[in-house]
Amino acid sequence: MTRSVLFLRTRPGKREELVRAFERLGVLQAASAQPGFLGAELHVPLDDADHVLVLASWASPEAYQAWLDNPIREAARAELEPLLAAEPEPHLYRVVEAVS
């Protein structure tokens, strides 16, 4: 399994607007239609008002790359980008152990 981790830093006071935009645009729902998608979560830290974390699980790095190449994602980015204070920080991990 592959895990994508996306760190987003919002403009001051724009975090909730970014979260609402994610929901309104259906970003995670759109990702869920991508072949190889296993699940996703949108997190907001309790100790930082200007950050958002997006975690997603994918069957493979290729499945994640297909999501990156999806035009739906690019359309959402155009609306989300003005709310960000910095470029998103994406990271990709191979899951080596998991417990539920």
N, C-alpha and C. Protein backbone atom coordinates (compact mmCIF):
# COMPACT_ATOMS: atom_id res chain seq x y z
N MET A 1 0.85 -1.18 0.00
CA MET A 1 0.00 0.00 0.00
C MET A 1 0.89 1.23 0.00
N THR A 2 0.39 2.29 -0.62
CA THR A 2 1.08 3.57 -0.71
C THR A 2 0.26 4.62 0.00
N ARG A 3 0.92 5.47 0.76
CA ARG A 3 0.23 6.55 1.47
C ARG A 3 0.73 7.89 0.96
N SER A 4 -0.20 8.73 0.54
CA SER A 4 0.16 10.10 0.18
C SER A 4 -0.14 11.00 1.37
N VAL A 5 0.80 11.91 1.63
CA VAL A 5 0.68 12.85 2.73
C VAL A 5 0.86 14.23 2.13
N LEU A 6 -0.15 15.08 2.29
CA LEU A 6 -0.11 16.42 1.71
C LEU A 6 -0.26 17.45 2.81
N PHE A 7 0.79 18.25 3.02
CA PHE A 7 0.77 19.33 3.99
C PHE A 7 0.36 20.61 3.28
N LEU A 8 -0.67 21.28 3.81
CA LEU A 8 -1.13 22.54 3.24
C LEU A 8 -1.04 23.63 4.30
N ARG A 9 -0.43 24.75 3.96
CA ARG A 9 -0.38 25.91 4.86
C ARG A 9 -1.28 26.97 4.24
N THR A 10 -2.31 27.35 5.00
CA THR A 10 -3.27 28.32 4.49
C THR A 10 -2.83 29.75 4.81
N ARG A 11 -3.43 30.67 4.10
CA ARG A 11 -3.25 32.08 4.45
C ARG A 11 -3.88 32.25 5.84
N PRO A 12 -3.38 33.20 6.63
CA PRO A 12 -3.92 33.37 7.98
C PRO A 12 -5.45 33.53 7.96
N GLY A 13 -6.09 32.74 8.80
CA GLY A 13 -7.55 32.81 8.93
C GLY A 13 -8.34 32.13 7.82
N LYS A 14 -7.68 31.43 6.91
CA LYS A 14 -8.37 30.83 5.76
C LYS A 14 -8.55 29.32 5.86
N ARG A 15 -8.14 28.73 6.99
CA ARG A 15 -8.21 27.27 7.09
C ARG A 15 -9.63 26.74 6.93
N GLU A 16 -10.58 27.31 7.63
CA GLU A 16 -11.95 26.80 7.55
C GLU A 16 -12.53 27.00 6.16
N GLU A 17 -12.15 28.09 5.50
CA GLU A 17 -12.59 28.30 4.13
C GLU A 17 -12.02 27.22 3.20
N LEU A 18 -10.77 26.83 3.44
CA LEU A 18 -10.16 25.77 2.65
C LEU A 18 -10.88 24.44 2.90
N VAL A 19 -11.18 24.14 4.14
CA VAL A 19 -11.89 22.90 4.48
C VAL A 19 -13.26 22.89 3.81
N ARG A 20 -13.98 23.99 3.87
CA ARG A 20 -15.30 24.07 3.22
C ARG A 20 -15.17 23.91 1.71
N ALA A 21 -14.12 24.49 1.12
CA ALA A 21 -13.91 24.37 -0.32
C ALA A 21 -13.63 22.91 -0.70
N PHE A 22 -12.82 22.21 0.10
CA PHE A 22 -12.57 20.78 -0.15
C PHE A 22 -13.89 20.02 -0.19
N GLU A 23 -14.75 20.32 0.78
CA GLU A 23 -16.04 19.63 0.87
C GLU A 23 -16.95 20.02 -0.29
N ARG A 24 -17.05 21.31 -0.58
CA ARG A 24 -17.92 21.81 -1.65
C ARG A 24 -17.50 21.27 -3.00
N LEU A 25 -16.19 21.22 -3.24
CA LEU A 25 -15.68 20.74 -4.52
C LEU A 25 -15.67 19.21 -4.60
N GLY A 26 -15.85 18.55 -3.46
CA GLY A 26 -15.87 17.09 -3.44
C GLY A 26 -14.53 16.47 -3.81
N VAL A 27 -13.45 17.07 -3.32
CA VAL A 27 -12.10 16.62 -3.69
C VAL A 27 -11.88 15.16 -3.29
N LEU A 28 -12.18 14.82 -2.04
CA LEU A 28 -11.95 13.44 -1.60
C LEU A 28 -12.90 12.47 -2.29
N GLN A 29 -14.14 12.92 -2.54
CA GLN A 29 -15.09 12.05 -3.25
C GLN A 29 -14.61 11.80 -4.67
N ALA A 30 -14.05 12.82 -5.32
CA ALA A 30 -13.53 12.65 -6.68
C ALA A 30 -12.35 11.68 -6.66
N ALA A 31 -11.48 11.82 -5.66
CA ALA A 31 -10.34 10.90 -5.55
C ALA A 31 -10.83 9.47 -5.36
N SER A 32 -11.93 9.30 -4.65
CA SER A 32 -12.43 7.94 -4.37
C SER A 32 -12.87 7.22 -5.63
N ALA A 33 -13.14 7.94 -6.70
CA ALA A 33 -13.52 7.32 -7.97
C ALA A 33 -12.30 6.89 -8.79
N GLN A 34 -11.12 7.28 -8.35
CA GLN A 34 -9.88 6.95 -9.06
C GLN A 34 -9.54 5.48 -8.82
N PRO A 35 -9.31 4.70 -9.88
CA PRO A 35 -8.89 3.31 -9.66
C PRO A 35 -7.64 3.24 -8.79
N GLY A 36 -7.66 2.33 -7.83
CA GLY A 36 -6.54 2.18 -6.91
C GLY A 36 -6.66 2.99 -5.64
N PHE A 37 -7.70 3.81 -5.52
CA PHE A 37 -7.94 4.59 -4.31
C PHE A 37 -8.43 3.66 -3.21
N LEU A 38 -7.88 3.80 -2.00
CA LEU A 38 -8.29 2.96 -0.88
C LEU A 38 -8.96 3.74 0.25
N GLY A 39 -8.69 5.03 0.36
CA GLY A 39 -9.29 5.84 1.41
C GLY A 39 -8.56 7.15 1.57
N ALA A 40 -9.24 8.14 2.18
CA ALA A 40 -8.61 9.44 2.40
C ALA A 40 -9.24 10.13 3.60
N GLU A 41 -8.46 11.03 4.18
CA GLU A 41 -8.90 11.81 5.34
C GLU A 41 -8.35 13.22 5.23
N LEU A 42 -9.14 14.18 5.67
CA LEU A 42 -8.73 15.58 5.76
C LEU A 42 -8.62 15.91 7.24
N HIS A 43 -7.45 16.38 7.66
CA HIS A 43 -7.19 16.65 9.08
C HIS A 43 -6.88 18.13 9.30
N VAL A 44 -7.31 18.65 10.45
CA VAL A 44 -6.87 19.98 10.87
C VAL A 44 -6.23 19.83 12.25
N PRO A 45 -5.05 20.41 12.45
CA PRO A 45 -4.37 20.27 13.73
C PRO A 45 -5.09 21.05 14.83
N LEU A 46 -5.00 20.54 16.03
CA LEU A 46 -5.61 21.20 17.17
C LEU A 46 -4.76 22.37 17.67
N ASP A 47 -3.49 22.39 17.29
CA ASP A 47 -2.58 23.40 17.82
C ASP A 47 -2.04 24.37 16.77
N ASP A 48 -2.66 24.43 15.59
CA ASP A 48 -2.18 25.30 14.53
C ASP A 48 -3.35 25.66 13.62
N ALA A 49 -3.71 26.92 13.58
CA ALA A 49 -4.91 27.35 12.86
C ALA A 49 -4.69 27.53 11.37
N ASP A 50 -3.47 27.38 10.89
CA ASP A 50 -3.19 27.67 9.49
C ASP A 50 -2.62 26.49 8.71
N HIS A 51 -2.89 25.28 9.17
CA HIS A 51 -2.41 24.09 8.45
C HIS A 51 -3.55 23.10 8.25
N VAL A 52 -3.41 22.30 7.21
CA VAL A 52 -4.34 21.21 6.90
C VAL A 52 -3.48 20.05 6.42
N LEU A 53 -3.90 18.85 6.76
CA LEU A 53 -3.20 17.64 6.35
C LEU A 53 -4.17 16.74 5.61
N VAL A 54 -3.76 16.25 4.45
CA VAL A 54 -4.57 15.31 3.68
C VAL A 54 -3.79 14.00 3.59
N LEU A 55 -4.40 12.93 4.10
CA LEU A 55 -3.81 11.59 4.02
C LEU A 55 -4.68 10.75 3.09
N ALA A 56 -4.04 10.01 2.22
CA ALA A 56 -4.79 9.10 1.34
C ALA A 56 -4.00 7.81 1.17
N SER A 57 -4.72 6.73 0.99
CA SER A 57 -4.12 5.42 0.77
C SER A 57 -4.44 4.98 -0.65
N TRP A 58 -3.43 4.40 -1.29
CA TRP A 58 -3.51 4.00 -2.69
C TRP A 58 -2.96 2.59 -2.84
N ALA A 59 -3.45 1.88 -3.83
CA ALA A 59 -2.98 0.52 -4.09
C ALA A 59 -1.53 0.51 -4.55
N SER A 60 -1.08 1.60 -5.17
CA SER A 60 0.28 1.65 -5.71
C SER A 60 0.68 3.10 -5.98
N PRO A 61 1.96 3.35 -6.15
CA PRO A 61 2.38 4.70 -6.56
C PRO A 61 1.77 5.11 -7.90
N GLU A 62 1.55 4.15 -8.78
CA GLU A 62 0.96 4.45 -10.09
C GLU A 62 -0.49 4.93 -9.94
N ALA A 63 -1.21 4.36 -9.00
CA ALA A 63 -2.59 4.80 -8.75
C ALA A 63 -2.60 6.24 -8.27
N TYR A 64 -1.66 6.57 -7.38
CA TYR A 64 -1.56 7.95 -6.90
C TYR A 64 -1.18 8.88 -8.04
N GLN A 65 -0.26 8.48 -8.89
CA GLN A 65 0.15 9.31 -10.02
C GLN A 65 -1.03 9.55 -10.96
N ALA A 66 -1.86 8.54 -11.14
CA ALA A 66 -3.04 8.71 -11.98
C ALA A 66 -3.97 9.78 -11.40
N TRP A 67 -4.07 9.83 -10.07
CA TRP A 67 -4.87 10.88 -9.43
C TRP A 67 -4.23 12.24 -9.66
N LEU A 68 -2.91 12.33 -9.54
CA LEU A 68 -2.23 13.60 -9.79
C LEU A 68 -2.48 14.08 -11.22
N ASP A 69 -2.62 13.16 -12.15
CA ASP A 69 -2.82 13.49 -13.56
C ASP A 69 -4.30 13.72 -13.91
N ASN A 70 -5.20 13.49 -12.98
CA ASN A 70 -6.63 13.62 -13.23
C ASN A 70 -7.01 15.09 -13.39
N PRO A 71 -7.69 15.47 -14.47
CA PRO A 71 -8.06 16.87 -14.68
C PRO A 71 -9.01 17.42 -13.62
N ILE A 72 -9.76 16.57 -12.96
CA ILE A 72 -10.64 17.02 -11.87
C ILE A 72 -9.81 17.65 -10.76
N ARG A 73 -8.69 17.03 -10.46
CA ARG A 73 -7.81 17.53 -9.41
C ARG A 73 -7.27 18.91 -9.77
N GLU A 74 -6.89 19.09 -11.00
CA GLU A 74 -6.35 20.37 -11.43
C GLU A 74 -7.41 21.48 -11.36
N ALA A 75 -8.65 21.16 -11.70
CA ALA A 75 -9.73 22.14 -11.61
C ALA A 75 -9.95 22.56 -10.16
N ALA A 76 -9.92 21.61 -9.22
CA ALA A 76 -10.08 21.94 -7.80
C ALA A 76 -8.91 22.78 -7.31
N ARG A 77 -7.72 22.46 -7.77
CA ARG A 77 -6.53 23.20 -7.35
C ARG A 77 -6.67 24.70 -7.67
N ALA A 78 -7.25 25.02 -8.81
CA ALA A 78 -7.42 26.42 -9.21
C ALA A 78 -8.24 27.19 -8.18
N GLU A 79 -9.20 26.53 -7.55
CA GLU A 79 -10.03 27.19 -6.54
C GLU A 79 -9.38 27.19 -5.16
N LEU A 80 -8.60 26.16 -4.87
CA LEU A 80 -7.99 26.04 -3.54
C LEU A 80 -6.72 26.88 -3.40
N GLU A 81 -5.98 27.00 -4.47
CA GLU A 81 -4.67 27.66 -4.42
C GLU A 81 -4.70 29.08 -3.85
N PRO A 82 -5.70 29.92 -4.16
CA PRO A 82 -5.70 31.28 -3.59
C PRO A 82 -5.82 31.31 -2.06
N LEU A 83 -6.24 30.21 -1.46
CA LEU A 83 -6.38 30.14 0.00
C LEU A 83 -5.07 29.73 0.68
N LEU A 84 -4.06 29.35 -0.12
CA LEU A 84 -2.81 28.84 0.44
C LEU A 84 -1.75 29.92 0.55
N ALA A 85 -0.95 29.82 1.62
CA ALA A 85 0.15 30.74 1.84
C ALA A 85 1.45 30.24 1.23
N ALA A 86 1.49 28.95 0.88
CA ALA A 86 2.70 28.35 0.32
C ALA A 86 2.30 27.20 -0.59
N GLU A 87 3.25 26.76 -1.39
CA GLU A 87 3.01 25.60 -2.24
C GLU A 87 2.71 24.38 -1.37
N PRO A 88 1.78 23.53 -1.79
CA PRO A 88 1.53 22.28 -1.05
C PRO A 88 2.80 21.44 -0.98
N GLU A 89 2.94 20.71 0.12
CA GLU A 89 4.10 19.83 0.32
C GLU A 89 3.64 18.37 0.24
N PRO A 90 3.76 17.74 -0.93
CA PRO A 90 3.35 16.34 -1.05
C PRO A 90 4.50 15.39 -0.71
N HIS A 91 4.14 14.28 -0.09
CA HIS A 91 5.10 13.22 0.21
C HIS A 91 4.41 11.89 -0.06
N LEU A 92 5.17 10.91 -0.50
CA LEU A 92 4.64 9.59 -0.79
C LEU A 92 5.41 8.56 0.01
N TYR A 93 4.69 7.67 0.68
CA TYR A 93 5.29 6.66 1.55
C TYR A 93 4.81 5.28 1.15
N ARG A 94 5.65 4.30 1.35
CA ARG A 94 5.26 2.90 1.25
C ARG A 94 4.93 2.44 2.66
N VAL A 95 3.73 1.93 2.86
CA VAL A 95 3.32 1.46 4.17
C VAL A 95 3.99 0.10 4.41
N VAL A 96 4.76 0.01 5.49
CA VAL A 96 5.47 -1.24 5.79
C VAL A 96 4.83 -2.01 6.94
N GLU A 97 4.04 -1.33 7.75
CA GLU A 97 3.33 -2.02 8.83
C GLU A 97 2.11 -1.20 9.19
N ALA A 98 0.99 -1.86 9.44
CA ALA A 98 -0.24 -1.18 9.85
C ALA A 98 -0.98 -2.08 10.82
N VAL A 99 -1.62 -1.47 11.81
CA VAL A 99 -2.43 -2.19 12.78
C VAL A 99 -3.74 -1.44 12.91
N SER A 100 -4.85 -2.17 12.95
CA SER A 100 -6.16 -1.52 13.13
C SER A 100 -6.81 -2.04 14.39
